[in-house]
């Protein structure tokens, strides 16, 4: 079998795809697109210089566009406070009482959890809270102002009607 120019470019594209699958870096797929463009240029009978230019333009351009696109997308939250990682983030719990050291025990998902207030959060007060993050087996909480306001409005309405 003769290893002519198009076959070499297609082989390079295949090798780049395999290496990408082994390493998980998306950029190698962009370079594989460049190798495929060079293979098409070789099939069209373009010179070796034009094939390399096609590889560089398509592969390098795709890498640059992908890098720019990733830079424009918002960064995800750290894993300990990312709802995509921990489904508990954003869930509501009720704190019955806070211990003097700023910790509490809350019922959540059918068991008792240790909880503490998030850094910079308002002074601890019993009532509804939201899980802001998980730190090992601790729930990090913030006051749930929406629920607190709704409860205050409901109790004010109930007392006005009595």
N, C-alpha and C. Protein backbone atom coordinates (compact mmCIF):
# COMPACT_ATOMS: atom_id res chain seq x y z
N UNK A 1 0.85 -1.19 0.00
CA UNK A 1 0.00 0.00 0.00
C UNK A 1 0.89 1.24 0.00
N UNK A 2 0.58 2.14 -0.87
CA UNK A 2 1.35 3.37 -0.98
C UNK A 2 0.83 4.40 0.03
N UNK A 3 1.76 5.00 0.75
CA UNK A 3 1.39 6.03 1.72
C UNK A 3 1.53 7.39 1.05
N UNK A 4 0.56 7.71 0.21
CA UNK A 4 0.60 9.01 -0.46
C UNK A 4 0.13 10.10 0.51
N UNK A 5 0.18 11.34 0.07
CA UNK A 5 -0.08 12.47 0.95
C UNK A 5 -1.47 12.44 1.61
N UNK A 6 -2.55 12.19 0.89
CA UNK A 6 -3.86 12.17 1.56
C UNK A 6 -3.94 11.10 2.65
N UNK A 7 -3.36 9.93 2.39
CA UNK A 7 -3.40 8.86 3.39
C UNK A 7 -2.65 9.28 4.65
N UNK A 8 -1.51 9.94 4.49
CA UNK A 8 -0.76 10.41 5.64
C UNK A 8 -1.55 11.43 6.46
N UNK A 9 -2.23 12.36 5.78
CA UNK A 9 -3.03 13.35 6.51
C UNK A 9 -4.21 12.69 7.23
N UNK A 10 -4.88 11.73 6.56
CA UNK A 10 -5.99 11.03 7.22
C UNK A 10 -5.48 10.21 8.41
N UNK A 11 -4.31 9.61 8.27
CA UNK A 11 -3.73 8.85 9.39
C UNK A 11 -3.41 9.79 10.55
N UNK A 12 -2.85 10.97 10.25
CA UNK A 12 -2.58 11.95 11.31
C UNK A 12 -3.88 12.38 11.99
N UNK A 13 -4.94 12.61 11.21
CA UNK A 13 -6.23 12.98 11.80
C UNK A 13 -6.73 11.86 12.73
N UNK A 14 -6.60 10.62 12.29
CA UNK A 14 -7.03 9.49 13.12
C UNK A 14 -6.21 9.38 14.40
N UNK A 15 -4.90 9.56 14.28
CA UNK A 15 -4.04 9.50 15.47
C UNK A 15 -4.41 10.62 16.44
N UNK A 16 -4.65 11.82 15.93
CA UNK A 16 -5.04 12.93 16.80
C UNK A 16 -6.36 12.65 17.52
N UNK A 17 -7.32 12.04 16.83
CA UNK A 17 -8.60 11.68 17.47
C UNK A 17 -8.37 10.64 18.55
N UNK A 18 -7.57 9.64 18.29
CA UNK A 18 -7.29 8.60 19.30
C UNK A 18 -6.60 9.20 20.51
N UNK A 19 -5.60 10.04 20.28
CA UNK A 19 -4.90 10.67 21.41
C UNK A 19 -5.85 11.56 22.20
N UNK A 20 -6.74 12.25 21.48
CA UNK A 20 -7.74 13.08 22.18
C UNK A 20 -8.63 12.22 23.05
N UNK A 21 -9.05 11.08 22.56
CA UNK A 21 -9.90 10.19 23.35
C UNK A 21 -9.17 9.67 24.58
N UNK A 22 -7.88 9.48 24.48
CA UNK A 22 -7.09 8.99 25.61
C UNK A 22 -6.80 10.09 26.63
N UNK A 23 -6.67 11.33 26.17
CA UNK A 23 -6.29 12.42 27.08
C UNK A 23 -7.46 13.30 27.50
N UNK A 24 -8.50 13.38 26.69
CA UNK A 24 -9.67 14.19 27.05
C UNK A 24 -9.50 15.67 26.76
N UNK A 25 -8.54 16.05 25.96
CA UNK A 25 -8.38 17.46 25.61
C UNK A 25 -9.07 17.73 24.28
N UNK A 26 -9.99 18.67 24.29
CA UNK A 26 -10.80 18.94 23.11
C UNK A 26 -9.98 19.59 22.00
N UNK A 27 -8.87 20.23 22.34
CA UNK A 27 -8.07 20.94 21.36
C UNK A 27 -7.50 20.01 20.29
N UNK A 28 -7.21 18.77 20.64
CA UNK A 28 -6.67 17.84 19.63
C UNK A 28 -7.70 17.53 18.55
N UNK A 29 -8.98 17.59 18.88
CA UNK A 29 -10.00 17.41 17.85
C UNK A 29 -9.95 18.55 16.84
N UNK A 30 -9.65 19.75 17.31
CA UNK A 30 -9.52 20.89 16.41
C UNK A 30 -8.35 20.69 15.45
N UNK A 31 -7.24 20.16 15.98
CA UNK A 31 -6.10 19.86 15.12
C UNK A 31 -6.43 18.73 14.15
N UNK A 32 -7.24 17.77 14.58
CA UNK A 32 -7.66 16.70 13.68
C UNK A 32 -8.50 17.27 12.53
N UNK A 33 -9.30 18.30 12.80
CA UNK A 33 -10.03 18.97 11.71
C UNK A 33 -9.05 19.59 10.72
N UNK A 34 -7.99 20.16 11.23
CA UNK A 34 -6.96 20.72 10.35
C UNK A 34 -6.31 19.64 9.50
N UNK A 35 -6.03 18.49 10.09
CA UNK A 35 -5.44 17.38 9.33
C UNK A 35 -6.42 16.89 8.26
N UNK A 36 -7.70 16.87 8.59
CA UNK A 36 -8.70 16.47 7.59
C UNK A 36 -8.76 17.48 6.46
N UNK A 37 -8.65 18.78 6.79
CA UNK A 37 -8.63 19.81 5.75
C UNK A 37 -7.40 19.64 4.85
N UNK A 38 -6.27 19.30 5.46
CA UNK A 38 -5.06 19.07 4.67
C UNK A 38 -5.23 17.84 3.78
N UNK A 39 -5.91 16.81 4.28
CA UNK A 39 -6.16 15.61 3.46
C UNK A 39 -7.03 15.96 2.27
N UNK A 40 -8.04 16.79 2.48
CA UNK A 40 -8.89 17.21 1.37
C UNK A 40 -8.07 18.02 0.36
N UNK A 41 -7.20 18.89 0.89
CA UNK A 41 -6.33 19.66 -0.01
C UNK A 41 -5.43 18.73 -0.82
N UNK A 42 -4.94 17.67 -0.20
CA UNK A 42 -4.11 16.69 -0.92
C UNK A 42 -4.92 15.97 -1.98
N UNK A 43 -6.19 15.62 -1.66
CA UNK A 43 -7.05 14.97 -2.65
C UNK A 43 -7.32 15.90 -3.83
N UNK A 44 -7.35 17.20 -3.58
CA UNK A 44 -7.58 18.16 -4.66
C UNK A 44 -6.33 18.41 -5.49
N UNK A 45 -5.22 17.82 -5.08
CA UNK A 45 -3.98 17.94 -5.84
C UNK A 45 -3.18 19.18 -5.51
N UNK A 46 -3.47 19.84 -4.39
CA UNK A 46 -2.70 21.02 -4.01
C UNK A 46 -1.31 20.61 -3.54
N UNK A 47 -0.38 21.54 -3.59
CA UNK A 47 1.01 21.24 -3.23
C UNK A 47 1.14 21.00 -1.73
N UNK A 48 2.27 20.45 -1.32
CA UNK A 48 2.54 20.19 0.10
C UNK A 48 2.47 21.46 0.93
N UNK A 49 2.92 22.57 0.36
CA UNK A 49 2.86 23.85 1.08
C UNK A 49 1.42 24.25 1.34
N UNK A 50 0.57 24.09 0.35
CA UNK A 50 -0.85 24.42 0.52
C UNK A 50 -1.54 23.47 1.50
N UNK A 51 -1.11 22.23 1.52
CA UNK A 51 -1.67 21.28 2.48
C UNK A 51 -1.33 21.69 3.91
N UNK A 52 -0.05 22.07 4.11
CA UNK A 52 0.37 22.51 5.44
C UNK A 52 -0.37 23.79 5.83
N UNK A 53 -0.54 24.70 4.86
CA UNK A 53 -1.30 25.92 5.13
C UNK A 53 -2.74 25.61 5.51
N UNK A 54 -3.35 24.65 4.82
CA UNK A 54 -4.72 24.26 5.16
C UNK A 54 -4.78 23.67 6.57
N UNK A 55 -3.80 22.83 6.90
CA UNK A 55 -3.72 22.25 8.25
C UNK A 55 -3.59 23.35 9.29
N UNK A 56 -2.67 24.29 9.05
CA UNK A 56 -2.42 25.36 10.02
C UNK A 56 -3.62 26.30 10.13
N UNK A 57 -4.20 26.65 9.00
CA UNK A 57 -5.31 27.61 9.02
C UNK A 57 -6.55 27.01 9.69
N UNK A 58 -6.94 25.81 9.28
CA UNK A 58 -8.15 25.20 9.84
C UNK A 58 -7.90 24.73 11.27
N UNK A 59 -6.82 23.99 11.48
CA UNK A 59 -6.52 23.49 12.83
C UNK A 59 -6.23 24.61 13.81
N UNK A 60 -5.32 25.50 13.42
CA UNK A 60 -4.98 26.62 14.30
C UNK A 60 -6.15 27.56 14.51
N UNK A 61 -6.89 27.82 13.43
CA UNK A 61 -8.08 28.68 13.56
C UNK A 61 -9.13 28.07 14.48
N UNK A 62 -9.36 26.77 14.35
CA UNK A 62 -10.34 26.11 15.21
C UNK A 62 -9.89 26.14 16.67
N UNK A 63 -8.60 25.94 16.92
CA UNK A 63 -8.07 26.02 18.28
C UNK A 63 -8.27 27.42 18.84
N UNK A 64 -7.94 28.44 18.03
CA UNK A 64 -8.09 29.83 18.48
C UNK A 64 -9.55 30.17 18.76
N UNK A 65 -10.45 29.76 17.88
CA UNK A 65 -11.88 30.04 18.10
C UNK A 65 -12.37 29.32 19.35
N UNK A 66 -11.99 28.07 19.53
CA UNK A 66 -12.44 27.32 20.72
C UNK A 66 -11.88 27.95 21.99
N UNK A 67 -10.62 28.35 21.96
CA UNK A 67 -10.02 28.99 23.14
C UNK A 67 -10.73 30.31 23.45
N UNK A 68 -11.02 31.11 22.44
CA UNK A 68 -11.74 32.37 22.64
C UNK A 68 -13.13 32.11 23.19
N UNK A 69 -13.81 31.10 22.65
CA UNK A 69 -15.17 30.78 23.12
C UNK A 69 -15.16 30.36 24.59
N UNK A 70 -14.17 29.54 24.98
CA UNK A 70 -14.07 29.12 26.39
C UNK A 70 -13.76 30.30 27.29
N UNK A 71 -12.94 31.23 26.83
CA UNK A 71 -12.60 32.40 27.63
C UNK A 71 -13.81 33.30 27.83
N UNK A 72 -14.74 33.32 26.87
CA UNK A 72 -15.93 34.16 26.97
C UNK A 72 -17.01 33.55 27.85
N UNK A 73 -17.00 32.25 28.04
CA UNK A 73 -18.04 31.60 28.84
C UNK A 73 -17.77 31.82 30.33
N UNK A 74 -18.84 31.94 31.12
CA UNK A 74 -18.65 32.18 32.55
C UNK A 74 -18.01 30.97 33.23
N UNK A 75 -17.22 31.25 34.24
CA UNK A 75 -16.56 30.18 35.02
C UNK A 75 -17.60 29.52 35.92
N UNK A 76 -17.47 28.24 36.11
CA UNK A 76 -18.38 27.53 37.00
C UNK A 76 -17.93 27.76 38.45
N UNK A 77 -18.87 27.62 39.36
CA UNK A 77 -18.58 27.80 40.78
C UNK A 77 -17.65 26.69 41.26
N UNK A 78 -16.91 26.93 42.35
CA UNK A 78 -16.09 25.86 42.91
C UNK A 78 -16.96 24.64 43.26
N UNK A 79 -16.38 23.47 43.24
CA UNK A 79 -17.13 22.23 43.43
C UNK A 79 -17.91 22.20 44.74
N UNK A 80 -17.38 22.77 45.82
CA UNK A 80 -18.09 22.69 47.10
C UNK A 80 -19.33 23.56 47.14
N UNK A 81 -19.49 24.50 46.19
CA UNK A 81 -20.69 25.33 46.16
C UNK A 81 -21.36 25.31 44.79
N UNK A 82 -21.12 24.28 44.01
CA UNK A 82 -21.66 24.15 42.67
C UNK A 82 -22.82 23.17 42.68
N UNK A 83 -24.01 23.62 42.32
CA UNK A 83 -25.20 22.77 42.33
C UNK A 83 -25.09 21.63 41.31
N UNK A 84 -24.28 21.80 40.28
CA UNK A 84 -24.09 20.72 39.32
C UNK A 84 -23.32 19.56 39.94
N UNK A 85 -22.55 19.83 41.00
CA UNK A 85 -21.76 18.80 41.66
C UNK A 85 -22.51 18.28 42.89
N UNK A 86 -23.06 19.18 43.69
CA UNK A 86 -23.80 18.81 44.91
C UNK A 86 -25.24 19.26 44.76
N UNK A 87 -26.14 18.32 44.66
CA UNK A 87 -27.56 18.66 44.49
C UNK A 87 -28.17 19.27 45.75
N UNK A 88 -27.44 19.24 46.87
CA UNK A 88 -27.94 19.83 48.10
C UNK A 88 -27.86 21.35 48.09
N UNK A 89 -27.03 21.92 47.25
CA UNK A 89 -26.86 23.36 47.20
C UNK A 89 -28.20 24.00 46.83
N UNK A 90 -28.60 25.00 47.63
CA UNK A 90 -29.86 25.69 47.37
C UNK A 90 -31.06 25.10 48.07
N UNK A 91 -30.91 23.93 48.66
CA UNK A 91 -32.04 23.30 49.35
C UNK A 91 -32.31 24.03 50.67
N UNK A 92 -33.55 23.95 51.13
CA UNK A 92 -33.96 24.63 52.36
C UNK A 92 -33.87 23.69 53.56
N UNK A 93 -33.44 24.25 54.68
CA UNK A 93 -33.45 23.55 55.96
C UNK A 93 -33.98 24.53 57.00
N UNK A 94 -34.45 24.00 58.11
CA UNK A 94 -34.91 24.84 59.20
C UNK A 94 -34.00 24.62 60.39
N UNK A 95 -33.44 25.71 60.89
CA UNK A 95 -32.59 25.66 62.07
C UNK A 95 -33.46 25.98 63.27
N UNK A 96 -33.57 25.00 64.19
CA UNK A 96 -34.38 25.21 65.39
C UNK A 96 -33.65 26.08 66.41
N UNK A 97 -32.34 25.85 66.56
CA UNK A 97 -31.54 26.64 67.50
C UNK A 97 -30.08 26.56 67.10
N UNK A 98 -29.36 27.64 67.37
CA UNK A 98 -27.92 27.69 67.11
C UNK A 98 -27.18 27.48 68.42
N UNK A 99 -26.10 26.72 68.37
CA UNK A 99 -25.25 26.52 69.55
C UNK A 99 -24.40 27.78 69.74
N UNK A 100 -23.88 27.97 70.97
CA UNK A 100 -23.05 29.16 71.21
C UNK A 100 -21.83 29.26 70.30
N UNK A 101 -21.32 28.14 69.80
CA UNK A 101 -20.15 28.18 68.93
C UNK A 101 -20.50 28.46 67.46
N UNK A 102 -21.76 28.77 67.18
CA UNK A 102 -22.18 29.11 65.82
C UNK A 102 -22.51 27.92 64.95
N UNK A 103 -22.70 26.76 65.55
CA UNK A 103 -23.07 25.57 64.79
C UNK A 103 -24.50 25.17 65.15
N UNK A 104 -25.05 24.28 64.35
CA UNK A 104 -26.41 23.81 64.61
C UNK A 104 -26.53 22.38 64.10
N UNK A 105 -27.53 21.68 64.58
CA UNK A 105 -27.90 20.36 64.06
C UNK A 105 -29.25 20.54 63.37
N UNK A 106 -29.33 20.11 62.11
CA UNK A 106 -30.57 20.27 61.35
C UNK A 106 -31.01 18.92 60.79
N UNK A 107 -32.32 18.76 60.68
CA UNK A 107 -32.88 17.59 60.01
C UNK A 107 -32.88 17.87 58.51
N UNK A 108 -32.22 16.99 57.77
CA UNK A 108 -32.15 17.16 56.33
C UNK A 108 -32.03 15.78 55.70
N UNK A 109 -32.87 15.51 54.73
CA UNK A 109 -32.90 14.23 54.02
C UNK A 109 -33.00 13.05 54.99
N UNK A 110 -33.79 13.20 56.03
CA UNK A 110 -34.07 12.09 56.92
C UNK A 110 -33.02 11.81 57.98
N UNK A 111 -32.05 12.70 58.16
CA UNK A 111 -31.04 12.48 59.19
C UNK A 111 -30.57 13.82 59.74
N UNK A 112 -29.82 13.72 60.82
CA UNK A 112 -29.27 14.92 61.46
C UNK A 112 -27.96 15.30 60.78
N UNK A 113 -27.81 16.57 60.44
CA UNK A 113 -26.60 17.09 59.82
C UNK A 113 -26.02 18.18 60.70
N UNK A 114 -24.71 18.28 60.68
CA UNK A 114 -24.03 19.40 61.32
C UNK A 114 -24.05 20.56 60.33
N UNK A 115 -24.31 21.75 60.86
CA UNK A 115 -24.39 22.93 60.00
C UNK A 115 -23.68 24.10 60.66
N UNK A 116 -23.21 24.99 59.83
CA UNK A 116 -22.64 26.23 60.33
C UNK A 116 -23.00 27.33 59.35
N UNK A 117 -22.90 28.55 59.83
CA UNK A 117 -23.23 29.70 59.01
C UNK A 117 -22.10 30.01 58.03
N UNK A 118 -22.46 30.47 56.86
CA UNK A 118 -21.47 30.83 55.85
C UNK A 118 -20.66 32.03 56.33
N UNK A 119 -19.40 32.10 55.97
CA UNK A 119 -18.59 33.27 56.35
C UNK A 119 -19.21 34.55 55.81
N UNK A 120 -19.29 35.56 56.65
CA UNK A 120 -19.84 36.84 56.24
C UNK A 120 -21.36 36.90 56.29
N UNK A 121 -22.02 35.82 56.66
CA UNK A 121 -23.48 35.82 56.74
C UNK A 121 -23.92 36.57 57.99
N UNK A 122 -25.18 36.97 58.01
CA UNK A 122 -25.74 37.69 59.16
C UNK A 122 -25.68 36.81 60.41
N UNK A 123 -25.81 37.43 61.57
CA UNK A 123 -25.76 36.71 62.84
C UNK A 123 -26.74 35.55 62.82
N UNK A 124 -26.37 34.42 63.42
CA UNK A 124 -27.25 33.25 63.38
C UNK A 124 -28.56 33.49 64.11
N UNK A 125 -29.64 33.12 63.46
CA UNK A 125 -30.97 33.20 64.06
C UNK A 125 -31.73 31.96 63.63
N UNK A 126 -32.54 31.40 64.51
CA UNK A 126 -33.34 30.23 64.13
C UNK A 126 -34.28 30.57 62.97
N UNK A 127 -34.64 29.57 62.23
CA UNK A 127 -35.57 29.78 61.13
C UNK A 127 -35.09 29.12 59.85
N UNK A 128 -35.71 29.51 58.74
CA UNK A 128 -35.37 28.89 57.45
C UNK A 128 -34.01 29.36 56.94
N UNK A 129 -33.27 28.43 56.40
CA UNK A 129 -31.95 28.70 55.82
C UNK A 129 -31.82 27.92 54.52
N UNK A 130 -30.87 28.33 53.71
CA UNK A 130 -30.55 27.61 52.47
C UNK A 130 -29.13 27.09 52.55
N UNK A 131 -28.92 25.93 51.95
CA UNK A 131 -27.58 25.35 51.89
C UNK A 131 -26.81 26.10 50.80
N UNK A 132 -25.72 26.76 51.21
CA UNK A 132 -24.89 27.51 50.27
C UNK A 132 -23.73 26.66 49.75
N UNK A 133 -23.21 25.78 50.60
CA UNK A 133 -22.07 24.95 50.20
C UNK A 133 -22.01 23.74 51.12
N UNK A 134 -21.21 22.77 50.73
CA UNK A 134 -20.90 21.63 51.58
C UNK A 134 -19.41 21.66 51.86
N UNK A 135 -19.07 21.49 53.12
CA UNK A 135 -17.67 21.45 53.52
C UNK A 135 -17.48 20.15 54.27
N UNK A 136 -16.96 19.15 53.59
CA UNK A 136 -16.86 17.77 54.11
C UNK A 136 -18.28 17.32 54.44
N UNK A 137 -18.57 17.03 55.72
CA UNK A 137 -19.93 16.60 56.07
C UNK A 137 -20.70 17.70 56.79
N UNK A 138 -20.30 18.94 56.60
CA UNK A 138 -20.99 20.10 57.17
C UNK A 138 -21.80 20.80 56.09
N UNK A 139 -23.01 21.21 56.46
CA UNK A 139 -23.79 22.08 55.59
C UNK A 139 -23.42 23.52 55.93
N UNK A 140 -23.09 24.31 54.94
CA UNK A 140 -22.80 25.73 55.15
C UNK A 140 -24.06 26.49 54.75
N UNK A 141 -24.62 27.23 55.70
CA UNK A 141 -25.95 27.82 55.53
C UNK A 141 -25.93 29.34 55.43
N UNK A 142 -26.93 29.87 54.76
CA UNK A 142 -27.24 31.30 54.75
C UNK A 142 -28.73 31.42 55.05
N UNK A 143 -29.11 32.54 55.67
CA UNK A 143 -30.53 32.76 55.99
C UNK A 143 -31.32 32.80 54.69
N UNK A 144 -32.48 32.18 54.69
CA UNK A 144 -33.37 32.17 53.54
C UNK A 144 -34.30 33.36 53.67
N UNK A 145 -33.88 34.49 53.14
CA UNK A 145 -34.65 35.73 53.32
C UNK A 145 -36.01 35.67 52.64
N UNK A 146 -36.10 35.00 51.50
CA UNK A 146 -37.39 34.92 50.80
C UNK A 146 -38.41 34.18 51.65
N UNK A 147 -38.02 33.05 52.24
CA UNK A 147 -38.93 32.30 53.09
C UNK A 147 -39.22 33.06 54.37
N UNK A 148 -38.21 33.73 54.93
CA UNK A 148 -38.40 34.49 56.16
C UNK A 148 -39.39 35.62 55.94
N UNK A 149 -39.26 36.34 54.80
CA UNK A 149 -40.18 37.43 54.51
C UNK A 149 -41.59 36.91 54.28
N UNK A 150 -41.72 35.77 53.58
CA UNK A 150 -43.04 35.19 53.33
C UNK A 150 -43.69 34.77 54.63
N UNK A 151 -42.91 34.18 55.55
CA UNK A 151 -43.46 33.77 56.84
C UNK A 151 -43.87 34.99 57.66
N UNK A 152 -43.06 36.05 57.62
CA UNK A 152 -43.38 37.27 58.37
C UNK A 152 -44.64 37.91 57.81
N UNK A 153 -44.79 37.94 56.49
CA UNK A 153 -45.97 38.52 55.87
C UNK A 153 -47.20 37.68 56.22
N UNK A 154 -47.08 36.36 56.19
CA UNK A 154 -48.21 35.48 56.51
C UNK A 154 -48.62 35.65 57.96
N UNK A 155 -47.65 35.75 58.87
CA UNK A 155 -48.02 35.88 60.29
C UNK A 155 -48.61 37.27 60.54
N UNK A 156 -48.13 38.30 59.85
CA UNK A 156 -48.70 39.64 60.00
C UNK A 156 -50.13 39.68 59.46
N UNK A 157 -50.35 38.99 58.35
CA UNK A 157 -51.71 38.94 57.78
C UNK A 157 -52.63 38.17 58.72
N UNK A 158 -52.15 37.07 59.28
CA UNK A 158 -52.98 36.26 60.19
C UNK A 158 -53.32 37.05 61.44
N UNK A 159 -52.38 37.82 61.99
CA UNK A 159 -52.66 38.58 63.20
C UNK A 159 -53.58 39.77 62.91
N UNK A 160 -53.54 40.31 61.69
CA UNK A 160 -54.42 41.42 61.33
C UNK A 160 -55.86 40.95 61.19
N UNK A 161 -56.04 39.69 60.76
CA UNK A 161 -57.40 39.16 60.60
C UNK A 161 -57.99 38.64 61.89
N UNK A 162 -57.20 38.51 62.97
CA UNK A 162 -57.75 37.97 64.20
C UNK A 162 -58.18 39.05 65.14
